[in-house]
Amino acid sequence: MDMWITYRLLDDSGEAGEQQRNRFTFPDTGEGFELGGQQIGYGPSIGQMHGAIRAHHNDDDADPVIVKTERA
């Protein structure tokens, strides 16, 4: 599953840096379920998204703040 993640990285003082948007690939999590006639899909966990952002920046201590997620 490919996703666009919009996020900001916190600096050492806790201030949010410039907003960034990158595409990440995660394992497929299945079809989800139907609720009230609408298909609800499963996506990656917050931990998986944080891990992907940290790996993208080669920084295990990065503190991302996720602003928005979108399926690609």
Protein backbone atom coordinates (compact mmCIF):
# COMPACT_ATOMS: atom_id res chain seq x y z
CA MET A 1 0.00 0.00 0.00
CA ASP A 2 1.45 3.35 -1.03
CA MET A 3 0.63 6.42 1.03
CA TRP A 4 1.45 10.08 0.94
CA ILE A 5 2.32 11.38 4.39
CA THR A 6 2.47 15.09 5.15
CA TYR A 7 4.44 15.79 8.31
CA ARG A 8 6.72 18.15 10.20
CA LEU A 9 9.80 17.20 12.19
CA LEU A 10 10.26 18.66 15.66
CA ASP A 11 13.67 20.18 16.37
CA ASP A 12 15.52 19.88 19.69
CA SER A 13 13.60 22.83 21.15
CA GLY A 14 10.23 21.25 20.27
CA GLU A 15 9.50 23.66 17.40
CA ALA A 16 7.97 22.16 14.26
CA GLY A 17 10.05 22.45 11.11
CA GLU A 18 8.88 22.99 7.56
CA GLN A 19 6.01 20.83 6.36
CA GLN A 20 7.12 17.94 4.12
CA ARG A 21 5.18 15.48 1.97
CA ASN A 22 6.65 12.15 0.88
CA ARG A 23 5.37 8.87 -0.53
CA PHE A 24 5.94 5.69 1.49
CA THR A 25 5.20 2.02 0.78
CA PHE A 26 3.77 -0.22 3.51
CA PRO A 27 2.70 -3.88 3.52
CA ASP A 28 -0.88 -4.44 2.36
CA THR A 29 -3.18 -4.64 5.37
CA GLY A 30 -6.21 -6.27 3.78
CA GLU A 31 -9.53 -5.11 2.41
CA GLY A 32 -10.95 -3.70 5.63
CA PHE A 33 -14.68 -3.86 6.34
CA GLU A 34 -17.99 -2.27 5.40
CA LEU A 35 -19.78 0.05 7.82
CA GLY A 36 -23.05 1.72 6.94
CA GLY A 37 -22.50 1.14 3.24
CA GLN A 38 -19.01 2.69 3.28
CA GLN A 39 -15.83 0.65 2.85
CA ILE A 40 -13.41 1.27 5.74
CA GLY A 41 -9.83 0.24 4.97
CA TYR A 42 -7.04 -0.64 7.31
CA GLY A 43 -3.88 1.42 7.00
CA PRO A 44 -0.46 1.34 8.58
CA SER A 45 -0.16 2.07 12.30
CA ILE A 46 1.17 5.37 13.61
CA GLY A 47 4.28 3.49 14.75
CA GLN A 48 4.87 2.16 11.23
CA MET A 49 4.48 5.66 9.78
CA HIS A 50 6.85 7.19 12.35
CA GLY A 51 9.39 4.42 11.64
CA ALA A 52 9.18 5.04 7.88
CA ILE A 53 9.69 8.79 8.33
CA ARG A 54 12.66 8.22 10.66
CA ALA A 55 14.22 5.79 8.16
CA HIS A 56 13.63 8.27 5.32
CA HIS A 57 15.61 10.90 7.25
CA ASN A 58 18.22 8.42 8.57
CA ASP A 59 17.48 9.65 12.09
CA ASP A 60 16.26 7.18 14.73
CA ASP A 61 15.61 10.07 17.13
CA ALA A 62 13.50 12.19 14.76
CA ASP A 63 10.15 13.29 16.19
CA PRO A 64 7.63 13.52 13.34
CA VAL A 65 4.24 15.18 13.70
CA ILE A 66 1.90 13.72 11.10
CA VAL A 67 -0.39 16.34 9.57
CA LYS A 68 -2.21 14.33 6.91
CA THR A 69 -2.21 10.89 5.26
CA GLU A 70 -3.56 9.95 1.83
CA ARG A 71 -3.60 6.72 -0.13
CA ALA A 72 -1.55 7.08 -3.30
